[in-house]
Amino acid sequence: MFVSGDFETVCKDERIVKLISEDIRKVAIEVKLTKQEIPSNIYVESLQWLPESGLVTDAFKLKRKVRCRFF
């Protein structure tokens, strides 16, 4: 499959989201996760979680309150 555009556009492409979701589901079934452990819906975010974005610390720990306000 060929997808053109910048990274943000690719992340929003429904075909890409569907492919990623199918791959996650395939691996989850292979490792025998239960139905409750398999994601039913995913969101592909184009923003990188770096300390510069403010969503994680310098040690890459989640800044939960900031992240909750952002999303």
PDB file of N, CA and C in Angstrom:
ATOM      1  N   MET A   1       0.847  -1.174   0.000  1.00  0.00           N
ATOM      2  CA  MET A   1       0.000   0.000   0.000  1.00  0.00           C
ATOM      3  C   MET A   1       0.894   1.240   0.000  1.00  0.00           C
ATOM      4  N   PHE A   2       0.506   2.223  -0.778  1.00  0.00           N
ATOM      5  CA  PHE A   2       1.250   3.476  -0.860  1.00  0.00           C
ATOM      6  C   PHE A   2       0.413   4.588  -0.258  1.00  0.00           C
ATOM      7  N   VAL A   3       1.024   5.318   0.652  1.00  0.00           N
ATOM      8  CA  VAL A   3       0.354   6.452   1.277  1.00  0.00           C
ATOM      9  C   VAL A   3       1.272   7.646   1.131  1.00  0.00           C
ATOM     10  N   SER A   4       0.721   8.749   0.674  1.00  0.00           N
ATOM     11  CA  SER A   4       1.545   9.940   0.519  1.00  0.00           C
ATOM     12  C   SER A   4       1.091  11.007   1.504  1.00  0.00           C
ATOM     13  N   GLY A   5       1.965  11.953   1.739  1.00  0.00           N
ATOM     14  CA  GLY A   5       1.647  13.053   2.643  1.00  0.00           C
ATOM     15  C   GLY A   5       2.610  13.105   3.804  1.00  0.00           C
ATOM     16  N   ASP A   6       2.418  14.108   4.647  1.00  0.00           N
ATOM     17  CA  ASP A   6       3.282  14.231   5.811  1.00  0.00           C
ATOM     18  C   ASP A   6       2.841  13.239   6.896  1.00  0.00           C
ATOM     19  N   PHE A   7       3.620  13.159   7.960  1.00  0.00           N
ATOM     20  CA  PHE A   7       3.379  12.178   9.010  1.00  0.00           C
ATOM     21  C   PHE A   7       2.009  12.371   9.657  1.00  0.00           C
ATOM     22  N   GLU A   8       1.606  13.597   9.871  1.00  0.00           N
ATOM     23  CA  GLU A   8       0.304  13.875  10.484  1.00  0.00           C
ATOM     24  C   GLU A   8      -0.837  13.362   9.612  1.00  0.00           C
ATOM     25  N   THR A   9      -0.718  13.568   8.311  1.00  0.00           N
ATOM     26  CA  THR A   9      -1.735  13.094   7.376  1.00  0.00           C
ATOM     27  C   THR A   9      -1.800  11.571   7.366  1.00  0.00           C
ATOM     28  N   VAL A  10      -0.640  10.927   7.401  1.00  0.00           N
ATOM     29  CA  VAL A  10      -0.583   9.461   7.399  1.00  0.00           C
ATOM     30  C   VAL A  10      -1.227   8.914   8.670  1.00  0.00           C
ATOM     31  N   CYS A  11      -0.984   9.567   9.817  1.00  0.00           N
ATOM     32  CA  CYS A  11      -1.565   9.102  11.084  1.00  0.00           C
ATOM     33  C   CYS A  11      -3.083   9.181  11.079  1.00  0.00           C
ATOM     34  N   LYS A  12      -3.641  10.094  10.315  1.00  0.00           N
ATOM     35  CA  LYS A  12      -5.090  10.264  10.270  1.00  0.00           C
ATOM     36  C   LYS A  12      -5.756   9.423   9.186  1.00  0.00           C
ATOM     37  N   ASP A  13      -4.954   8.773   8.345  1.00  0.00           N
ATOM     38  CA  ASP A  13      -5.488   7.956   7.254  1.00  0.00           C
ATOM     39  C   ASP A  13      -6.165   6.709   7.831  1.00  0.00           C
ATOM     40  N   GLU A  14      -7.425   6.513   7.535  1.00  0.00           N
ATOM     41  CA  GLU A  14      -8.201   5.390   8.070  1.00  0.00           C
ATOM     42  C   GLU A  14      -7.619   4.038   7.669  1.00  0.00           C
ATOM     43  N   ARG A  15      -7.016   3.962   6.488  1.00  0.00           N
ATOM     44  CA  ARG A  15      -6.411   2.692   6.053  1.00  0.00           C
ATOM     45  C   ARG A  15      -5.241   2.313   6.952  1.00  0.00           C
ATOM     46  N   ILE A  16      -4.448   3.307   7.329  1.00  0.00           N
ATOM     47  CA  ILE A  16      -3.296   3.065   8.192  1.00  0.00           C
ATOM     48  C   ILE A  16      -3.765   2.648   9.585  1.00  0.00           C
ATOM     49  N   VAL A  17      -4.748   3.364  10.117  1.00  0.00           N
ATOM     50  CA  VAL A  17      -5.289   3.033  11.434  1.00  0.00           C
ATOM     51  C   VAL A  17      -5.841   1.614  11.436  1.00  0.00           C
ATOM     52  N   LYS A  18      -6.528   1.238  10.364  1.00  0.00           N
ATOM     53  CA  LYS A  18      -7.090  -0.113  10.260  1.00  0.00           C
ATOM     54  C   LYS A  18      -5.982  -1.169  10.213  1.00  0.00           C
ATOM     55  N   LEU A  19      -4.913  -0.909   9.449  1.00  0.00           N
ATOM     56  CA  LEU A  19      -3.795  -1.854   9.368  1.00  0.00           C
ATOM     57  C   LEU A  19      -3.116  -2.036  10.719  1.00  0.00           C
ATOM     58  N   ILE A  20      -2.889  -0.936  11.420  1.00  0.00           N
ATOM     59  CA  ILE A  20      -2.258  -1.006  12.742  1.00  0.00           C
ATOM     60  C   ILE A  20      -3.152  -1.777  13.699  1.00  0.00           C
ATOM     61  N   SER A  21      -4.442  -1.481  13.673  1.00  0.00           N
ATOM     62  CA  SER A  21      -5.399  -2.159  14.544  1.00  0.00           C
ATOM     63  C   SER A  21      -5.429  -3.661  14.268  1.00  0.00           C
ATOM     64  N   GLU A  22      -5.420  -4.034  13.002  1.00  0.00           N
ATOM     65  CA  GLU A  22      -5.414  -5.451  12.633  1.00  0.00           C
ATOM     66  C   GLU A  22      -4.144  -6.141  13.115  1.00  0.00           C
ATOM     67  N   ASP A  23      -3.005  -5.471  12.987  1.00  0.00           N
ATOM     68  CA  ASP A  23      -1.743  -6.049  13.455  1.00  0.00           C
ATOM     69  C   ASP A  23      -1.745  -6.240  14.968  1.00  0.00           C
ATOM     70  N   ILE A  24      -2.245  -5.248  15.693  1.00  0.00           N
ATOM     71  CA  ILE A  24      -2.321  -5.355  17.150  1.00  0.00           C
ATOM     72  C   ILE A  24      -3.211  -6.530  17.533  1.00  0.00           C
ATOM     73  N   ARG A  25      -4.348  -6.645  16.868  1.00  0.00           N
ATOM     74  CA  ARG A  25      -5.280  -7.731  17.163  1.00  0.00           C
ATOM     75  C   ARG A  25      -4.655  -9.093  16.855  1.00  0.00           C
ATOM     76  N   LYS A  26      -3.948  -9.189  15.736  1.00  0.00           N
ATOM     77  CA  LYS A  26      -3.301 -10.445  15.349  1.00  0.00           C
ATOM     78  C   LYS A  26      -2.276 -10.877  16.395  1.00  0.00           C
ATOM     79  N   VAL A  27      -1.447  -9.956  16.825  1.00  0.00           N
ATOM     80  CA  VAL A  27      -0.432 -10.281  17.826  1.00  0.00           C
ATOM     81  C   VAL A  27      -1.087 -10.620  19.160  1.00  0.00           C
ATOM     82  N   ALA A  28      -2.128  -9.875  19.530  1.00  0.00           N
ATOM     83  CA  ALA A  28      -2.829 -10.133  20.790  1.00  0.00           C
ATOM     84  C   ALA A  28      -3.419 -11.538  20.810  1.00  0.00           C
ATOM     85  N   ILE A  29      -3.955 -11.988  19.700  1.00  0.00           N
ATOM     86  CA  ILE A  29      -4.520 -13.339  19.613  1.00  0.00           C
ATOM     87  C   ILE A  29      -3.406 -14.379  19.672  1.00  0.00           C
ATOM     88  N   GLU A  30      -2.275 -14.096  19.013  1.00  0.00           N
ATOM     89  CA  GLU A  30      -1.141 -15.031  19.025  1.00  0.00           C
ATOM     90  C   GLU A  30      -0.600 -15.246  20.433  1.00  0.00           C
ATOM     91  N   VAL A  31      -0.588 -14.184  21.242  1.00  0.00           N
ATOM     92  CA  VAL A  31      -0.064 -14.316  22.605  1.00  0.00           C
ATOM     93  C   VAL A  31      -1.165 -14.659  23.600  1.00  0.00           C
ATOM     94  N   LYS A  32      -2.340 -14.961  23.068  1.00  0.00           N
ATOM     95  CA  LYS A  32      -3.485 -15.452  23.842  1.00  0.00           C
ATOM     96  C   LYS A  32      -3.977 -14.463  24.906  1.00  0.00           C
ATOM     97  N   LEU A  33      -4.126 -13.208  24.501  1.00  0.00           N
ATOM     98  CA  LEU A  33      -4.743 -12.240  25.396  1.00  0.00           C
ATOM     99  C   LEU A  33      -6.241 -12.497  25.447  1.00  0.00           C
ATOM    100  N   THR A  34      -6.851 -12.136  26.544  1.00  0.00           N
ATOM    101  CA  THR A  34      -8.294 -12.291  26.655  1.00  0.00           C
ATOM    102  C   THR A  34      -8.984 -11.161  25.896  1.00  0.00           C
ATOM    103  N   LYS A  35     -10.275 -11.322  25.674  1.00  0.00           N
ATOM    104  CA  LYS A  35     -11.037 -10.325  24.924  1.00  0.00           C
ATOM    105  C   LYS A  35     -10.945  -8.941  25.570  1.00  0.00           C
ATOM    106  N   GLN A  36     -10.921  -8.894  26.896  1.00  0.00           N
ATOM    107  CA  GLN A  36     -10.847  -7.631  27.605  1.00  0.00           C
ATOM    108  C   GLN A  36      -9.490  -6.943  27.450  1.00  0.00           C
ATOM    109  N   GLU A  37      -8.460  -7.695  27.128  1.00  0.00           N
ATOM    110  CA  GLU A  37      -7.111  -7.150  26.999  1.00  0.00           C
ATOM    111  C   GLU A  37      -6.799  -6.663  25.584  1.00  0.00           C
ATOM    112  N   ILE A  38      -7.645  -6.984  24.633  1.00  0.00           N
ATOM    113  CA  ILE A  38      -7.404  -6.603  23.233  1.00  0.00           C
ATOM    114  C   ILE A  38      -8.086  -5.268  22.951  1.00  0.00           C
ATOM    115  N   PRO A  39      -7.322  -4.266  22.496  1.00  0.00           N
ATOM    116  CA  PRO A  39      -7.935  -2.964  22.193  1.00  0.00           C
ATOM    117  C   PRO A  39      -8.966  -3.098  21.077  1.00  0.00           C
ATOM    118  N   SER A  40     -10.125  -2.500  21.278  1.00  0.00           N
ATOM    119  CA  SER A  40     -11.158  -2.553  20.249  1.00  0.00           C
ATOM    120  C   SER A  40     -11.097  -1.338  19.330  1.00  0.00           C
ATOM    121  N   ASN A  41     -10.470  -0.279  19.792  1.00  0.00           N
ATOM    122  CA  ASN A  41     -10.369   0.939  19.002  1.00  0.00           C
ATOM    123  C   ASN A  41      -9.047   1.624  19.358  1.00  0.00           C
ATOM    124  N   ILE A  42      -8.362   2.153  18.369  1.00  0.00           N
ATOM    125  CA  ILE A  42      -7.094   2.836  18.630  1.00  0.00           C
ATOM    126  C   ILE A  42      -7.113   4.223  18.005  1.00  0.00           C
ATOM    127  N   TYR A  43      -6.225   5.062  18.499  1.00  0.00           N
ATOM    128  CA  TYR A  43      -6.028   6.395  17.949  1.00  0.00           C
ATOM    129  C   TYR A  43      -4.537   6.546  17.695  1.00  0.00           C
ATOM    130  N   VAL A  44      -4.151   6.932  16.495  1.00  0.00           N
ATOM    131  CA  VAL A  44      -2.749   7.108  16.149  1.00  0.00           C
ATOM    132  C   VAL A  44      -2.435   8.600  16.235  1.00  0.00           C
ATOM    133  N   GLU A  45      -1.564   8.953  17.170  1.00  0.00           N
ATOM    134  CA  GLU A  45      -1.207  10.349  17.422  1.00  0.00           C
ATOM    135  C   GLU A  45       0.083  10.680  16.686  1.00  0.00           C
ATOM    136  N   SER A  46       0.109  11.807  16.019  1.00  0.00           N
ATOM    137  CA  SER A  46       1.302  12.210  15.275  1.00  0.00           C
ATOM    138  C   SER A  46       2.304  12.952  16.156  1.00  0.00           C
ATOM    139  N   LEU A  47       1.873  13.455  17.295  1.00  0.00           N
ATOM    140  CA  LEU A  47       2.762  14.180  18.197  1.00  0.00           C
ATOM    141  C   LEU A  47       3.676  13.200  18.919  1.00  0.00           C
ATOM    142  N   GLN A  48       4.987  13.457  18.835  1.00  0.00           N
ATOM    143  CA  GLN A  48       5.936  12.595  19.520  1.00  0.00           C
ATOM    144  C   GLN A  48       5.947  12.932  21.004  1.00  0.00           C
ATOM    145  N   TRP A  49       5.974  11.920  21.837  1.00  0.00           N
ATOM    146  CA  TRP A  49       5.987  12.130  23.282  1.00  0.00           C
ATOM    147  C   TRP A  49       7.431  12.307  23.734  1.00  0.00           C
ATOM    148  N   LEU A  50       7.924  13.512  23.625  1.00  0.00           N
ATOM    149  CA  LEU A  50       9.276  13.883  24.014  1.00  0.00           C
ATOM    150  C   LEU A  50       9.205  14.903  25.141  1.00  0.00           C
ATOM    151  N   PRO A  51      10.290  15.075  25.901  1.00  0.00           N
ATOM    152  CA  PRO A  51      10.277  16.104  26.939  1.00  0.00           C
ATOM    153  C   PRO A  51       9.952  17.496  26.386  1.00  0.00           C
ATOM    154  N   GLU A  52      10.332  17.767  25.158  1.00  0.00           N
ATOM    155  CA  GLU A  52      10.050  19.062  24.543  1.00  0.00           C
ATOM    156  C   GLU A  52       8.551  19.297  24.339  1.00  0.00           C
ATOM    157  N   SER A  53       7.785  18.214  24.167  1.00  0.00           N
ATOM    158  CA  SER A  53       6.342  18.367  23.978  1.00  0.00           C
ATOM    159  C   SER A  53       5.622  18.610  25.298  1.00  0.00           C
ATOM    160  N   GLY A  54       6.311  18.338  26.422  1.00  0.00           N
ATOM    161  CA  GLY A  54       5.727  18.570  27.730  1.00  0.00           C
ATOM    162  C   GLY A  54       4.869  17.435  28.248  1.00  0.00           C
ATOM    163  N   LEU A  55       4.742  16.344  27.499  1.00  0.00           N
ATOM    164  CA  LEU A  55       3.901  15.224  27.922  1.00  0.00           C
ATOM    165  C   LEU A  55       4.648  14.206  28.778  1.00  0.00           C
ATOM    166  N   VAL A  56       5.985  14.258  28.743  1.00  0.00           N
ATOM    167  CA  VAL A  56       6.803  13.357  29.557  1.00  0.00           C
ATOM    168  C   VAL A  56       7.938  14.156  30.204  1.00  0.00           C
ATOM    169  N   THR A  57       8.514  13.578  31.264  1.00  0.00           N
ATOM    170  CA  THR A  57       9.647  14.215  31.926  1.00  0.00           C
ATOM    171  C   THR A  57      10.924  13.902  31.149  1.00  0.00           C
ATOM    172  N   ASP A  58      12.045  14.432  31.627  1.00  0.00           N
ATOM    173  CA  ASP A  58      13.331  14.132  30.987  1.00  0.00           C
ATOM    174  C   ASP A  58      13.686  12.653  31.089  1.00  0.00           C
ATOM    175  N   ALA A  59      13.129  11.970  32.084  1.00  0.00           N
ATOM    176  CA  ALA A  59      13.349  10.526  32.248  1.00  0.00           C
ATOM    177  C   ALA A  59      12.270   9.719  31.520  1.00  0.00           C
ATOM    178  N   PHE A  60      11.451  10.385  30.703  1.00  0.00           N
ATOM    179  CA  PHE A  60      10.372   9.791  29.908  1.00  0.00           C
ATOM    180  C   PHE A  60       9.274   9.169  30.762  1.00  0.00           C
ATOM    181  N   LYS A  61       9.083   9.710  31.961  1.00  0.00           N
ATOM    182  CA  LYS A  61       7.933   9.315  32.778  1.00  0.00           C
ATOM    183  C   LYS A  61       6.758  10.183  32.366  1.00  0.00           C
ATOM    184  N   LEU A  62       5.563   9.604  32.379  1.00  0.00           N
ATOM    185  CA  LEU A  62       4.371  10.338  31.951  1.00  0.00           C
ATOM    186  C   LEU A  62       4.044  11.470  32.913  1.00  0.00           C
ATOM    187  N   LYS A  63       3.706  12.615  32.350  1.00  0.00           N
ATOM    188  CA  LYS A  63       3.148  13.706  33.132  1.00  0.00           C
ATOM    189  C   LYS A  63       1.637  13.557  33.008  1.00  0.00           C
ATOM    190  N   ARG A  64       1.058  12.825  33.932  1.00  0.00           N
ATOM    191  CA  ARG A  64      -0.341  12.410  33.818  1.00  0.00           C
ATOM    192  C   ARG A  64      -1.317  13.582  33.760  1.00  0.00           C
ATOM    193  N   LYS A  65      -1.140  14.573  34.620  1.00  0.00           N
ATOM    194  CA  LYS A  65      -2.078  15.694  34.627  1.00  0.00           C
ATOM    195  C   LYS A  65      -2.006  16.492  33.319  1.00  0.00           C
ATOM    196  N   VAL A  66      -0.791  16.717  32.831  1.00  0.00           N
ATOM    197  CA  VAL A  66      -0.611  17.445  31.569  1.00  0.00           C
ATOM    198  C   VAL A  66      -1.219  16.652  30.427  1.00  0.00           C
ATOM    199  N   ARG A  67      -0.977  15.359  30.430  1.00  0.00           N
ATOM    200  CA  ARG A  67      -1.487  14.488  29.371  1.00  0.00           C
ATOM    201  C   ARG A  67      -3.018  14.459  29.365  1.00  0.00           C
ATOM    202  N   CYS A  68      -3.616  14.415  30.556  1.00  0.00           N
ATOM    203  CA  CYS A  68      -5.085  14.399  30.648  1.00  0.00           C
ATOM    204  C   CYS A  68      -5.669  15.698  30.117  1.00  0.00           C
ATOM    205  N   ARG A  69      -5.024  16.819  30.398  1.00  0.00           N
ATOM    206  CA  ARG A  69      -5.517  18.108  29.874  1.00  0.00           C
ATOM    207  C   ARG A  69      -5.342  18.192  28.363  1.00  0.00           C
ATOM    208  N   PHE A  70      -4.237  17.618  27.857  1.00  0.00           N
ATOM    209  CA  PHE A  70      -3.944  17.675  26.420  1.00  0.00           C
ATOM    210  C   PHE A  70      -4.931  16.848  25.615  1.00  0.00           C
ATOM    211  N   PHE A  71      -5.231  15.647  26.109  1.00  0.00           N
ATOM    212  CA  PHE A  71      -6.125  14.756  25.374  1.00  0.00           C
ATOM    213  C   PHE A  71      -7.512  14.832  25.937  1.00  0.00           C
TER     214      PHE A  71
END
